[in-house]
Amino acid sequence: MDKLALDQTTSRRRTRRRALVAMLLASSLATVGAGAMSLAVFTDSKATSGSWTAGTVILGVSPATAFTATGILPGDTDSQTIAVSNTGTGVLRYAMTTSSTNADSKGLAAQMTLTVKLGTCAAATTTLYTGALSAAFLGNPAQGDDTGDREVAAGATDNLCFAWTFPQTSGNGFKSAATTATFTFAAEQTANN
């Protein structure tokens, strides 16, 4: 009987253990399920976006040909209003340089003088440059704000009066002399520069 009683006691213990493990397992699952349920919250999300468009600086120079003068004689002079415009969206800064030809080696561009004044030729004011046609300049085309650079706001125009003179003192060495000058305007943004 001892063996039978021992087997029954062992069997009961096993059954109790199994029941206890089953209860613990069920309780754990219930706790995990309840915990998962208790972690539920209302949520929401929204998004925002950005859009970027680069600005522009668009330089315009009018007229395309400032002068066509033939048969000029010592003492002759003429002027032309040059409109420097900005059709871009940002403020621009510009400078001007001049290059000229000397194919006949007579040096007419160096002999002639050029005066650049602020405003239209009908109402020109401040002199910005006066000197040899071949060396005419405004500001400096190097990047950055330089002395003499001119600024033009978006949608605005800067009028300049270009007036040339063939000096009265020019001698016979300039008979039939010819030159072509090119005025190059270089622009850059002013913002962050």
Protein backbone atom coordinates (compact mmCIF):
# COMPACT_ATOMS: atom_id res chain seq x y z
CA MET A 1 0.00 0.00 0.00
CA ASP A 2 2.76 2.30 0.55
CA LYS A 3 3.63 2.15 -3.07
CA LEU A 4 0.07 2.75 -4.15
CA ALA A 5 -0.33 5.61 -1.70
CA LEU A 6 2.96 7.03 -2.87
CA ASP A 7 1.91 6.78 -6.51
CA GLN A 8 -1.40 8.45 -5.75
CA THR A 9 0.30 11.22 -3.82
CA THR A 10 2.79 11.72 -6.65
CA SER A 11 -0.05 11.68 -9.17
CA ARG A 12 -1.99 14.27 -7.18
CA ARG A 13 1.05 16.46 -6.88
CA ARG A 14 1.60 16.26 -10.62
CA THR A 15 -2.02 17.09 -11.24
CA ARG A 16 -1.83 20.02 -8.83
CA ARG A 17 1.39 21.21 -10.45
CA ARG A 18 -0.14 20.94 -13.89
CA ALA A 19 -3.22 22.83 -12.70
CA LEU A 20 -1.02 25.43 -11.04
CA VAL A 21 1.14 25.81 -14.20
CA ALA A 22 -2.02 25.98 -16.34
CA MET A 23 -3.46 28.67 -14.04
CA LEU A 24 -0.21 30.61 -14.05
CA LEU A 25 0.00 30.36 -17.82
CA ALA A 26 -3.62 31.43 -18.24
CA SER A 27 -3.12 34.23 -15.76
CA SER A 28 0.03 35.37 -17.60
CA LEU A 29 -1.75 35.35 -20.94
CA ALA A 30 -4.65 37.27 -19.47
CA THR A 31 -2.26 39.79 -17.92
CA VAL A 32 -0.37 40.22 -21.20
CA GLY A 33 -3.64 40.61 -23.09
CA ALA A 34 -4.93 43.07 -20.53
CA GLY A 35 -1.60 44.94 -20.65
CA ALA A 36 -1.74 45.13 -24.41
CA MET A 37 -5.26 46.43 -24.19
CA SER A 38 -4.29 48.99 -21.60
CA LEU A 39 -1.51 50.34 -23.91
CA ALA A 40 -3.98 51.32 -26.61
CA VAL A 41 -4.21 55.10 -27.16
CA PHE A 42 -5.80 57.38 -29.71
CA THR A 43 -3.32 58.55 -32.32
CA ASP A 44 -3.27 61.05 -35.15
CA SER A 45 -0.68 62.48 -37.55
CA LYS A 46 -0.47 65.34 -39.98
CA ALA A 47 2.19 66.31 -42.55
CA THR A 48 3.44 69.61 -43.83
CA SER A 49 5.51 70.25 -46.92
CA GLY A 50 7.88 72.85 -48.32
CA SER A 51 8.29 74.27 -51.77
CA TRP A 52 11.29 76.13 -53.13
CA THR A 53 11.78 78.15 -56.30
CA ALA A 54 15.08 79.87 -57.04
CA GLY A 55 15.05 83.56 -57.88
CA THR A 56 16.77 85.20 -60.83
CA VAL A 57 18.81 88.18 -61.82
CA ILE A 58 18.26 88.93 -65.51
CA LEU A 59 20.36 91.70 -66.96
CA GLY A 60 19.14 93.60 -70.01
CA VAL A 61 21.04 96.27 -71.96
CA SER A 62 19.31 98.42 -74.54
CA PRO A 63 19.91 99.38 -77.28
CA ALA A 64 21.98 96.45 -78.52
CA THR A 65 24.12 98.81 -80.63
CA ALA A 66 24.92 102.02 -78.79
CA PHE A 67 26.64 103.90 -81.64
CA THR A 68 27.29 103.65 -85.34
CA ALA A 69 29.28 106.72 -86.32
CA THR A 70 30.95 107.02 -89.71
CA GLY A 71 32.88 109.87 -91.26
CA ILE A 72 33.54 111.49 -87.88
CA LEU A 73 35.85 114.50 -87.75
CA PRO A 74 37.86 116.04 -84.89
CA GLY A 75 35.48 117.90 -82.60
CA ASP A 76 32.50 115.60 -83.30
CA THR A 77 30.51 114.28 -80.36
CA ASP A 78 27.36 112.25 -79.80
CA SER A 79 25.50 110.61 -76.92
CA GLN A 80 23.16 107.70 -76.32
CA THR A 81 21.11 106.65 -73.31
CA ILE A 82 21.86 103.05 -72.35
CA ALA A 83 19.15 101.36 -70.27
CA VAL A 84 20.46 98.66 -67.94
CA SER A 85 17.46 96.68 -66.71
CA ASN A 86 16.76 93.83 -64.31
CA THR A 87 13.77 91.68 -65.25
CA GLY A 88 14.67 89.10 -62.59
CA THR A 89 13.27 88.62 -59.10
CA GLY A 90 16.33 89.63 -57.06
CA VAL A 91 18.42 92.78 -56.80
CA LEU A 92 21.47 92.68 -59.07
CA ARG A 93 24.82 94.43 -58.99
CA TYR A 94 26.63 95.14 -62.24
CA ALA A 95 29.92 96.39 -63.56
CA MET A 96 30.98 97.36 -67.09
CA THR A 97 34.24 96.86 -68.95
CA THR A 98 35.27 97.91 -72.46
CA SER A 99 37.26 96.14 -75.12
CA SER A 100 38.14 97.77 -78.45
CA THR A 101 39.77 96.94 -81.76
CA ASN A 102 42.88 98.55 -83.22
CA ALA A 103 43.23 96.67 -86.53
CA ASP A 104 44.67 99.66 -88.40
CA SER A 105 47.19 100.41 -85.58
CA LYS A 106 46.08 104.07 -85.46
CA GLY A 107 44.65 103.81 -81.93
CA LEU A 108 41.35 105.63 -82.47
CA ALA A 109 39.73 104.05 -79.36
CA ALA A 110 42.53 105.35 -77.16
CA GLN A 111 42.25 108.82 -78.79
CA MET A 112 38.48 109.18 -78.35
CA THR A 113 37.01 110.08 -74.98
CA LEU A 114 33.92 108.64 -73.34
CA THR A 115 31.92 110.12 -70.51
CA VAL A 116 29.34 108.03 -68.67
CA LYS A 117 26.81 109.91 -66.55
CA LEU A 118 23.91 108.80 -64.41
CA GLY A 119 20.47 109.29 -65.96
CA THR A 120 19.17 109.73 -69.47
CA CYS A 121 21.15 111.98 -71.80
CA ALA A 122 18.34 114.54 -71.61
CA ALA A 123 18.77 114.79 -67.83
CA ALA A 124 22.18 113.30 -67.00
CA THR A 125 23.61 114.13 -63.59
CA THR A 126 26.57 112.55 -61.82
CA THR A 127 29.66 111.61 -63.88
CA LEU A 128 30.53 107.95 -63.33
CA TYR A 129 33.45 107.74 -65.80
CA THR A 130 35.37 110.07 -68.07
CA GLY A 131 38.48 109.09 -69.99
CA ALA A 132 39.67 107.11 -72.99
CA LEU A 133 36.98 105.15 -74.84
CA SER A 134 39.26 102.09 -74.86
CA ALA A 135 39.53 102.03 -71.04
CA ALA A 136 35.94 102.84 -70.03
CA PHE A 137 34.66 100.95 -67.00
CA LEU A 138 32.16 101.05 -64.16
CA GLY A 139 32.86 99.13 -60.96
CA ASN A 140 34.62 95.81 -61.04
CA PRO A 141 33.25 92.54 -62.50
CA ALA A 142 34.95 90.51 -59.72
CA GLN A 143 32.45 88.84 -57.40
CA GLY A 144 31.35 90.94 -54.45
CA ASP A 145 30.52 94.55 -53.75
CA ASP A 146 33.22 96.71 -55.34
CA THR A 147 33.63 100.47 -55.59
CA GLY A 148 31.69 101.81 -58.55
CA ASP A 149 29.40 98.78 -58.95
CA ARG A 150 25.81 99.75 -59.74
CA GLU A 151 22.69 98.13 -58.25
CA VAL A 152 19.37 97.59 -59.98
CA ALA A 153 16.29 96.39 -58.09
CA ALA A 154 14.06 93.64 -59.49
CA GLY A 155 11.89 95.10 -62.25
CA ALA A 156 13.87 98.37 -62.36
CA THR A 157 16.12 100.14 -64.89
CA ASP A 158 19.34 102.12 -64.43
CA ASN A 159 19.75 104.72 -67.21
CA LEU A 160 23.24 105.80 -68.21
CA CYS A 161 24.26 108.50 -70.68
CA PHE A 162 27.22 107.45 -72.85
CA ALA A 163 28.75 110.49 -74.61
CA TRP A 164 31.75 110.14 -76.92
CA THR A 165 34.01 112.87 -78.28
CA PHE A 166 36.60 112.80 -81.08
CA PRO A 167 38.96 115.46 -79.66
CA GLN A 168 39.47 118.64 -81.66
CA THR A 169 43.21 118.19 -81.18
CA SER A 170 43.30 114.89 -83.11
CA GLY A 171 45.81 115.19 -85.95
CA ASN A 172 46.19 113.75 -89.45
CA GLY A 173 47.38 110.44 -88.04
CA PHE A 174 43.73 109.58 -87.33
CA LYS A 175 42.43 110.09 -90.90
CA SER A 176 40.38 107.05 -91.92
CA ALA A 177 41.02 105.42 -88.53
CA ALA A 178 38.44 102.91 -87.37
CA THR A 179 37.63 101.12 -84.14
CA THR A 180 34.87 99.08 -82.60
CA ALA A 181 34.25 99.16 -78.87
CA THR A 182 32.29 96.55 -76.94
CA PHE A 183 30.80 97.50 -73.59
CA THR A 184 30.36 94.34 -71.50
CA PHE A 185 27.99 94.47 -68.55
CA ALA A 186 28.41 91.72 -65.95
CA ALA A 187 25.78 91.19 -63.25
CA GLU A 188 25.54 89.19 -60.05
CA GLN A 189 23.09 88.83 -57.18
CA THR A 190 23.50 91.20 -54.24
CA ALA A 191 21.81 89.00 -51.63
CA ASN A 192 24.35 86.95 -49.65
CA ASN A 193 27.14 88.29 -51.82
